[in-house]
Amino acid sequence: VPLPQIEHVLTNAKSGIEKIDQAQLKPACLFVT
């Protein structure tokens, strides 16, 4: 798998990853369904 393609995907996913990291600063998360 070419590293530049992976880097492109990781760049595009950065904001989503940051949102998850921010949510995980809380002691617990619960998905209510």
PDB file of all heavy atoms in Angstrom:
ATOM      1  N   VAL A   1       0.870  -1.178   0.000  1.00  0.00           N
ATOM      2  CA  VAL A   1       0.000   0.000   0.000  1.00  0.00           C
ATOM      3  C   VAL A   1       0.907   1.229   0.000  1.00  0.00           C
ATOM      4  O   VAL A   1       1.712   1.402   0.924  1.00  0.00           O
ATOM      5  CB  VAL A   1      -0.942   0.015   1.222  1.00  0.00           C
ATOM      6  CG1 VAL A   1      -1.836   1.240   1.199  1.00  0.00           C
ATOM      7  CG2 VAL A   1      -1.764  -1.260   1.279  1.00  0.00           C
ATOM      8  N   PRO A   2       0.793   2.077  -1.016  1.00  0.00           N
ATOM      9  CA  PRO A   2       1.673   3.249  -1.091  1.00  0.00           C
ATOM     10  C   PRO A   2       1.463   4.205   0.090  1.00  0.00           C
ATOM     11  O   PRO A   2       0.329   4.568   0.417  1.00  0.00           O
ATOM     12  CB  PRO A   2       1.272   3.926  -2.403  1.00  0.00           C
ATOM     13  CG  PRO A   2       0.570   2.868  -3.194  1.00  0.00           C
ATOM     14  CD  PRO A   2      -0.078   1.971  -2.180  1.00  0.00           C
ATOM     15  N   LEU A   3       2.545   4.584   0.731  1.00  0.00           N
ATOM     16  CA  LEU A   3       2.495   5.474   1.882  1.00  0.00           C
ATOM     17  C   LEU A   3       1.812   6.811   1.566  1.00  0.00           C
ATOM     18  O   LEU A   3       1.040   7.304   2.400  1.00  0.00           O
ATOM     19  CB  LEU A   3       3.912   5.687   2.428  1.00  0.00           C
ATOM     20  CG  LEU A   3       4.039   6.075   3.886  1.00  0.00           C
ATOM     21  CD1 LEU A   3       3.274   5.141   4.797  1.00  0.00           C
ATOM     22  CD2 LEU A   3       5.493   6.124   4.288  1.00  0.00           C
ATOM     23  N   PRO A   4       2.022   7.412   0.388  1.00  0.00           N
ATOM     24  CA  PRO A   4       1.322   8.672   0.094  1.00  0.00           C
ATOM     25  C   PRO A   4      -0.210   8.525   0.102  1.00  0.00           C
ATOM     26  O   PRO A   4      -0.914   9.448   0.519  1.00  0.00           O
ATOM     27  CB  PRO A   4       1.826   9.057  -1.298  1.00  0.00           C
ATOM     28  CG  PRO A   4       3.166   8.411  -1.397  1.00  0.00           C
ATOM     29  CD  PRO A   4       3.035   7.119  -0.646  1.00  0.00           C
ATOM     30  N   GLN A   5      -0.711   7.380  -0.336  1.00  0.00           N
ATOM     31  CA  GLN A   5      -2.164   7.174  -0.285  1.00  0.00           C
ATOM     32  C   GLN A   5      -2.648   7.105   1.162  1.00  0.00           C
ATOM     33  O   GLN A   5      -3.697   7.652   1.494  1.00  0.00           O
ATOM     34  CB  GLN A   5      -2.549   5.898  -1.032  1.00  0.00           C
ATOM     35  CG  GLN A   5      -2.453   6.010  -2.528  1.00  0.00           C
ATOM     36  CD  GLN A   5      -2.897   4.715  -3.219  1.00  0.00           C
ATOM     37  OE1 GLN A   5      -3.014   3.663  -2.610  1.00  0.00           O
ATOM     38  NE2 GLN A   5      -3.120   4.825  -4.520  1.00  0.00           N
ATOM     39  N   ILE A   6      -1.897   6.429   2.003  1.00  0.00           N
ATOM     40  CA  ILE A   6      -2.260   6.348   3.415  1.00  0.00           C
ATOM     41  C   ILE A   6      -2.208   7.735   4.047  1.00  0.00           C
ATOM     42  O   ILE A   6      -3.121   8.126   4.786  1.00  0.00           O
ATOM     43  CB  ILE A   6      -1.331   5.361   4.161  1.00  0.00           C
ATOM     44  CG1 ILE A   6      -1.608   3.938   3.679  1.00  0.00           C
ATOM     45  CG2 ILE A   6      -1.512   5.471   5.671  1.00  0.00           C
ATOM     46  CD1 ILE A   6      -0.672   2.894   4.220  1.00  0.00           C
ATOM     47  N   GLU A   7      -1.178   8.490   3.749  1.00  0.00           N
ATOM     48  CA  GLU A   7      -1.053   9.848   4.293  1.00  0.00           C
ATOM     49  C   GLU A   7      -2.211  10.730   3.853  1.00  0.00           C
ATOM     50  O   GLU A   7      -2.720  11.535   4.636  1.00  0.00           O
ATOM     51  CB  GLU A   7       0.289  10.453   3.894  1.00  0.00           C
ATOM     52  CG  GLU A   7       1.447   9.786   4.607  1.00  0.00           C
ATOM     53  CD  GLU A   7       2.813  10.173   4.066  1.00  0.00           C
ATOM     54  OE1 GLU A   7       2.892  10.757   2.951  1.00  0.00           O
ATOM     55  OE2 GLU A   7       3.810   9.873   4.753  1.00  0.00           O
ATOM     56  N   HIS A   8      -2.654  10.564   2.608  1.00  0.00           N
ATOM     57  CA  HIS A   8      -3.799  11.334   2.105  1.00  0.00           C
ATOM     58  C   HIS A   8      -5.063  10.993   2.904  1.00  0.00           C
ATOM     59  O   HIS A   8      -5.809  11.889   3.314  1.00  0.00           O
ATOM     60  CB  HIS A   8      -3.998  11.045   0.612  1.00  0.00           C
ATOM     61  CG  HIS A   8      -5.150  11.756   0.009  1.00  0.00           C
ATOM     62  ND1 HIS A   8      -5.156  13.114  -0.234  1.00  0.00           N
ATOM     63  CD2 HIS A   8      -6.376  11.302  -0.380  1.00  0.00           C
ATOM     64  CE1 HIS A   8      -6.320  13.462  -0.744  1.00  0.00           C
ATOM     65  NE2 HIS A   8      -7.079  12.386  -0.845  1.00  0.00           N
ATOM     66  N   VAL A   9      -5.301   9.723   3.139  1.00  0.00           N
ATOM     67  CA  VAL A   9      -6.469   9.297   3.908  1.00  0.00           C
ATOM     68  C   VAL A   9      -6.381   9.806   5.343  1.00  0.00           C
ATOM     69  O   VAL A   9      -7.360  10.307   5.900  1.00  0.00           O
ATOM     70  CB  VAL A   9      -6.628   7.754   3.871  1.00  0.00           C
ATOM     71  CG1 VAL A   9      -7.614   7.260   4.921  1.00  0.00           C
ATOM     72  CG2 VAL A   9      -7.068   7.303   2.486  1.00  0.00           C
ATOM     73  N   LEU A  10      -5.209   9.694   5.953  1.00  0.00           N
ATOM     74  CA  LEU A  10      -5.047  10.155   7.331  1.00  0.00           C
ATOM     75  C   LEU A  10      -5.255  11.660   7.446  1.00  0.00           C
ATOM     76  O   LEU A  10      -5.846  12.140   8.424  1.00  0.00           O
ATOM     77  CB  LEU A  10      -3.669   9.764   7.870  1.00  0.00           C
ATOM     78  CG  LEU A  10      -3.415   8.263   8.035  1.00  0.00           C
ATOM     79  CD1 LEU A  10      -2.005   7.999   8.558  1.00  0.00           C
ATOM     80  CD2 LEU A  10      -4.457   7.615   8.912  1.00  0.00           C
ATOM     81  N   THR A  11      -4.820  12.397   6.451  1.00  0.00           N
ATOM     82  CA  THR A  11      -5.052  13.845   6.437  1.00  0.00           C
ATOM     83  C   THR A  11      -6.547  14.144   6.358  1.00  0.00           C
ATOM     84  O   THR A  11      -7.060  15.000   7.084  1.00  0.00           O
ATOM     85  CB  THR A  11      -4.310  14.502   5.260  1.00  0.00           C
ATOM     86  OG1 THR A  11      -2.910  14.278   5.418  1.00  0.00           O
ATOM     87  CG2 THR A  11      -4.594  15.988   5.188  1.00  0.00           C
ATOM     88  N   ASN A  12      -7.248  13.423   5.494  1.00  0.00           N
ATOM     89  CA  ASN A  12      -8.690  13.642   5.353  1.00  0.00           C
ATOM     90  C   ASN A  12      -9.478  13.209   6.591  1.00  0.00           C
ATOM     91  O   ASN A  12     -10.560  13.730   6.852  1.00  0.00           O
ATOM     92  CB  ASN A  12      -9.222  12.908   4.126  1.00  0.00           C
ATOM     93  CG  ASN A  12      -8.782  13.557   2.834  1.00  0.00           C
ATOM     94  OD1 ASN A  12      -8.441  14.731   2.794  1.00  0.00           O
ATOM     95  ND2 ASN A  12      -8.756  12.783   1.766  1.00  0.00           N
ATOM     96  N   ALA A  13      -8.941  12.274   7.341  1.00  0.00           N
ATOM     97  CA  ALA A  13      -9.635  11.771   8.534  1.00  0.00           C
ATOM     98  C   ALA A  13      -9.263  12.544   9.796  1.00  0.00           C
ATOM     99  O   ALA A  13      -9.838  12.298  10.860  1.00  0.00           O
ATOM    100  CB  ALA A  13      -9.310  10.295   8.725  1.00  0.00           C
ATOM    101  N   LYS A  14      -8.355  13.468   9.689  1.00  0.00           N
ATOM    102  CA  LYS A  14      -7.812  14.156  10.861  1.00  0.00           C
ATOM    103  C   LYS A  14      -8.888  14.811  11.720  1.00  0.00           C
ATOM    104  O   LYS A  14      -8.869  14.666  12.949  1.00  0.00           O
ATOM    105  CB  LYS A  14      -6.771  15.195  10.432  1.00  0.00           C
ATOM    106  CG  LYS A  14      -6.071  15.842  11.588  1.00  0.00           C
ATOM    107  CD  LYS A  14      -4.988  16.794  11.124  1.00  0.00           C
ATOM    108  CE  LYS A  14      -4.336  17.408  12.345  1.00  0.00           C
ATOM    109  NZ  LYS A  14      -3.296  18.340  12.006  1.00  0.00           N
ATOM    110  N   SER A  15      -9.827  15.504  11.137  1.00  0.00           N
ATOM    111  CA  SER A  15     -10.837  16.194  11.948  1.00  0.00           C
ATOM    112  C   SER A  15     -11.720  15.199  12.694  1.00  0.00           C
ATOM    113  O   SER A  15     -12.089  15.432  13.848  1.00  0.00           O
ATOM    114  CB  SER A  15     -11.684  17.142  11.094  1.00  0.00           C
ATOM    115  OG  SER A  15     -12.470  16.411  10.177  1.00  0.00           O
ATOM    116  N   GLY A  16     -12.044  14.090  12.080  1.00  0.00           N
ATOM    117  CA  GLY A  16     -12.834  13.065  12.755  1.00  0.00           C
ATOM    118  C   GLY A  16     -12.080  12.446  13.910  1.00  0.00           C
ATOM    119  O   GLY A  16     -12.644  12.204  14.989  1.00  0.00           O
ATOM    120  N   ILE A  17     -10.802  12.189  13.692  1.00  0.00           N
ATOM    121  CA  ILE A  17      -9.962  11.626  14.755  1.00  0.00           C
ATOM    122  C   ILE A  17      -9.881  12.599  15.926  1.00  0.00           C
ATOM    123  O   ILE A  17      -9.970  12.199  17.091  1.00  0.00           O
ATOM    124  CB  ILE A  17      -8.557  11.291  14.210  1.00  0.00           C
ATOM    125  CG1 ILE A  17      -8.640  10.118  13.224  1.00  0.00           C
ATOM    126  CG2 ILE A  17      -7.593  10.977  15.342  1.00  0.00           C
ATOM    127  CD1 ILE A  17      -7.371   9.895  12.435  1.00  0.00           C
ATOM    128  N   GLU A  18      -9.730  13.873  15.616  1.00  0.00           N
ATOM    129  CA  GLU A  18      -9.658  14.881  16.676  1.00  0.00           C
ATOM    130  C   GLU A  18     -10.949  14.931  17.492  1.00  0.00           C
ATOM    131  O   GLU A  18     -10.912  15.095  18.709  1.00  0.00           O
ATOM    132  CB  GLU A  18      -9.350  16.252  16.079  1.00  0.00           C
ATOM    133  CG  GLU A  18      -7.921  16.367  15.575  1.00  0.00           C
ATOM    134  CD  GLU A  18      -7.649  17.645  14.791  1.00  0.00           C
ATOM    135  OE1 GLU A  18      -8.616  18.390  14.470  1.00  0.00           O
ATOM    136  OE2 GLU A  18      -6.471  17.895  14.479  1.00  0.00           O
ATOM    137  N   LYS A  19     -12.088  14.757  16.844  1.00  0.00           N
ATOM    138  CA  LYS A  19     -13.368  14.751  17.560  1.00  0.00           C
ATOM    139  C   LYS A  19     -13.470  13.549  18.489  1.00  0.00           C
ATOM    140  O   LYS A  19     -13.951  13.661  19.620  1.00  0.00           O
ATOM    141  CB  LYS A  19     -14.533  14.750  16.567  1.00  0.00           C
ATOM    142  CG  LYS A  19     -14.709  16.062  15.848  1.00  0.00           C
ATOM    143  CD  LYS A  19     -15.805  15.990  14.815  1.00  0.00           C
ATOM    144  CE  LYS A  19     -15.854  17.283  14.021  1.00  0.00           C
ATOM    145  NZ  LYS A  19     -16.842  17.227  12.933  1.00  0.00           N
ATOM    146  N   ILE A  20     -13.006  12.401  18.033  1.00  0.00           N
ATOM    147  CA  ILE A  20     -13.019  11.208  18.890  1.00  0.00           C
ATOM    148  C   ILE A  20     -12.074  11.413  20.074  1.00  0.00           C
ATOM    149  O   ILE A  20     -12.428  11.120  21.221  1.00  0.00           O
ATOM    150  CB  ILE A  20     -12.637   9.950  18.093  1.00  0.00           C
ATOM    151  CG1 ILE A  20     -13.730   9.632  17.087  1.00  0.00           C
ATOM    152  CG2 ILE A  20     -12.407   8.758  19.032  1.00  0.00           C
ATOM    153  CD1 ILE A  20     -13.355   8.582  16.079  1.00  0.00           C
ATOM    154  N   ASP A  21     -10.885  11.938  19.807  1.00  0.00           N
ATOM    155  CA  ASP A  21      -9.932  12.184  20.886  1.00  0.00           C
ATOM    156  C   ASP A  21     -10.513  13.160  21.911  1.00  0.00           C
ATOM    157  O   ASP A  21     -10.332  12.977  23.114  1.00  0.00           O
ATOM    158  CB  ASP A  21      -8.612  12.719  20.337  1.00  0.00           C
ATOM    159  CG  ASP A  21      -7.816  11.660  19.583  1.00  0.00           C
ATOM    160  OD1 ASP A  21      -8.123  10.453  19.721  1.00  0.00           O
ATOM    161  OD2 ASP A  21      -6.890  12.046  18.843  1.00  0.00           O
ATOM    162  N   GLN A  22     -11.224  14.167  21.438  1.00  0.00           N
ATOM    163  CA  GLN A  22     -11.848  15.141  22.341  1.00  0.00           C
ATOM    164  C   GLN A  22     -12.925  14.457  23.190  1.00  0.00           C
ATOM    165  O   GLN A  22     -12.989  14.665  24.401  1.00  0.00           O
ATOM    166  CB  GLN A  22     -12.472  16.291  21.532  1.00  0.00           C
ATOM    167  CG  GLN A  22     -13.067  17.389  22.369  1.00  0.00           C
ATOM    168  CD  GLN A  22     -12.011  18.183  23.122  1.00  0.00           C
ATOM    169  OE1 GLN A  22     -10.884  18.345  22.653  1.00  0.00           O
ATOM    170  NE2 GLN A  22     -12.352  18.663  24.284  1.00  0.00           N
ATOM    171  N   ALA A  23     -13.740  13.628  22.574  1.00  0.00           N
ATOM    172  CA  ALA A  23     -14.789  12.913  23.315  1.00  0.00           C
ATOM    173  C   ALA A  23     -14.179  11.968  24.344  1.00  0.00           C
ATOM    174  O   ALA A  23     -14.725  11.791  25.437  1.00  0.00           O
ATOM    175  CB  ALA A  23     -15.684  12.140  22.349  1.00  0.00           C
ATOM    176  N   GLN A  24     -13.046  11.376  24.012  1.00  0.00           N
ATOM    177  CA  GLN A  24     -12.430  10.411  24.917  1.00  0.00           C
ATOM    178  C   GLN A  24     -11.689  11.060  26.079  1.00  0.00           C
ATOM    179  O   GLN A  24     -11.173  10.354  26.952  1.00  0.00           O
ATOM    180  CB  GLN A  24     -11.507   9.472  24.133  1.00  0.00           C
ATOM    181  CG  GLN A  24     -12.280   8.503  23.270  1.00  0.00           C
ATOM    182  CD  GLN A  24     -11.404   7.504  22.544  1.00  0.00           C
ATOM    183  OE1 GLN A  24     -10.178   7.629  22.494  1.00  0.00           O
ATOM    184  NE2 GLN A  24     -12.038   6.494  21.980  1.00  0.00           N
ATOM    185  N   LEU A  25     -11.684  12.382  26.136  1.00  0.00           N
ATOM    186  CA  LEU A  25     -11.152  13.058  27.317  1.00  0.00           C
ATOM    187  C   LEU A  25     -12.092  12.876  28.506  1.00  0.00           C
ATOM    188  O   LEU A  25     -11.685  13.010  29.652  1.00  0.00           O
ATOM    189  CB  LEU A  25     -10.930  14.544  27.037  1.00  0.00           C
ATOM    190  CG  LEU A  25      -9.807  14.867  26.051  1.00  0.00           C
ATOM    191  CD1 LEU A  25      -9.769  16.364  25.765  1.00  0.00           C
ATOM    192  CD2 LEU A  25      -8.465  14.368  26.543  1.00  0.00           C
ATOM    193  N   LYS A  26     -13.355  12.578  28.220  1.00  0.00           N
ATOM    194  CA  LYS A  26     -14.320  12.308  29.285  1.00  0.00           C
ATOM    195  C   LYS A  26     -14.021  10.929  29.856  1.00  0.00           C
ATOM    196  O   LYS A  26     -13.531  10.041  29.158  1.00  0.00           O
ATOM    197  CB  LYS A  26     -15.738  12.361  28.724  1.00  0.00           C
ATOM    198  CG  LYS A  26     -16.115  13.725  28.197  1.00  0.00           C
ATOM    199  CD  LYS A  26     -17.499  13.734  27.629  1.00  0.00           C
ATOM    200  CE  LYS A  26     -17.789  15.122  27.088  1.00  0.00           C
ATOM    201  NZ  LYS A  26     -19.152  15.255  26.618  1.00  0.00           N
ATOM    202  N   PRO A  27     -14.353  10.718  31.128  1.00  0.00           N
ATOM    203  CA  PRO A  27     -14.046   9.412  31.737  1.00  0.00           C
ATOM    204  C   PRO A  27     -14.796   8.246  31.115  1.00  0.00           C
ATOM    205  O   PRO A  27     -14.304   7.121  31.132  1.00  0.00           O
ATOM    206  CB  PRO A  27     -14.432   9.586  33.204  1.00  0.00           C
ATOM    207  CG  PRO A  27     -15.113  10.894  33.328  1.00  0.00           C
ATOM    208  CD  PRO A  27     -14.912  11.658  32.068  1.00  0.00           C
ATOM    209  N   ALA A  28     -15.969   8.495  30.560  1.00  0.00           N
ATOM    210  CA  ALA A  28     -16.740   7.408  29.943  1.00  0.00           C
ATOM    211  C   ALA A  28     -17.641   7.973  28.864  1.00  0.00           C
ATOM    212  O   ALA A  28     -18.095   9.108  28.949  1.00  0.00           O
ATOM    213  CB  ALA A  28     -17.572   6.683  30.985  1.00  0.00           C
ATOM    214  N   CYS A  29     -17.886   7.166  27.853  1.00  0.00           N
ATOM    215  CA  CYS A  29     -18.821   7.519  26.794  1.00  0.00           C
ATOM    216  C   CYS A  29     -19.864   6.412  26.739  1.00  0.00           C
ATOM    217  O   CYS A  29     -19.551   5.247  26.969  1.00  0.00           O
ATOM    218  CB  CYS A  29     -18.125   7.612  25.442  1.00  0.00           C
ATOM    219  SG  CYS A  29     -16.913   8.935  25.332  1.00  0.00           S
ATOM    220  N   LEU A  30     -21.092   6.785  26.440  1.00  0.00           N
ATOM    221  CA  LEU A  30     -22.163   5.800  26.341  1.00  0.00           C
ATOM    222  C   LEU A  30     -22.946   6.072  25.071  1.00  0.00           C
ATOM    223  O   LEU A  30     -23.352   7.198  24.814  1.00  0.00           O
ATOM    224  CB  LEU A  30     -23.092   5.868  27.552  1.00  0.00           C
ATOM    225  CG  LEU A  30     -24.271   4.915  27.547  1.00  0.00           C
ATOM    226  CD1 LEU A  30     -23.796   3.471  27.641  1.00  0.00           C
ATOM    227  CD2 LEU A  30     -25.216   5.228  28.686  1.00  0.00           C
ATOM    228  N   PHE A  31     -23.149   5.036  24.281  1.00  0.00           N
ATOM    229  CA  PHE A  31     -23.936   5.149  23.065  1.00  0.00           C
ATOM    230  C   PHE A  31     -25.351   4.688  23.396  1.00  0.00           C
ATOM    231  O   PHE A  31     -25.563   3.510  23.695  1.00  0.00           O
ATOM    232  CB  PHE A  31     -23.332   4.296  21.952  1.00  0.00           C
ATOM    233  CG  PHE A  31     -21.987   4.777  21.509  1.00  0.00           C
ATOM    234  CD1 PHE A  31     -20.824   4.254  22.060  1.00  0.00           C
ATOM    235  CD2 PHE A  31     -21.873   5.778  20.564  1.00  0.00           C
ATOM    236  CE1 PHE A  31     -19.574   4.699  21.667  1.00  0.00           C
ATOM    237  CE2 PHE A  31     -20.630   6.240  20.155  1.00  0.00           C
ATOM    238  CZ  PHE A  31     -19.484   5.696  20.707  1.00  0.00           C
ATOM    239  N   VAL A  32     -26.278   5.613  23.375  1.00  0.00           N
ATOM    240  CA  VAL A  32     -27.655   5.293  23.719  1.00  0.00           C
ATOM    241  C   VAL A  32     -28.398   4.926  22.439  1.00  0.00           C
ATOM    242  O   VAL A  32     -28.414   5.697  21.477  1.00  0.00           O
ATOM    243  CB  VAL A  32     -28.343   6.481  24.422  1.00  0.00           C
ATOM    244  CG1 VAL A  32     -29.784   6.146  24.753  1.00  0.00           C
ATOM    245  CG2 VAL A  32     -27.576   6.859  25.672  1.00  0.00           C
ATOM    246  N   THR A  33     -28.962   3.740  22.436  1.00  0.00           N
ATOM    247  CA  THR A  33     -29.719   3.277  21.271  1.00  0.00           C
ATOM    248  C   THR A  33     -31.063   2.750  21.750  1.00  0.00           C
ATOM    249  O   THR A  33     -31.283   2.567  22.950  1.00  0.00           O
ATOM    250  CB  THR A  33     -28.983   2.143  20.541  1.00  0.00           C
ATOM    251  OG1 THR A  33     -28.829   1.044  21.431  1.00  0.00           O
ATOM    252  CG2 THR A  33     -27.619   2.601  20.049  1.00  0.00           C
TER     253      THR A  33
END
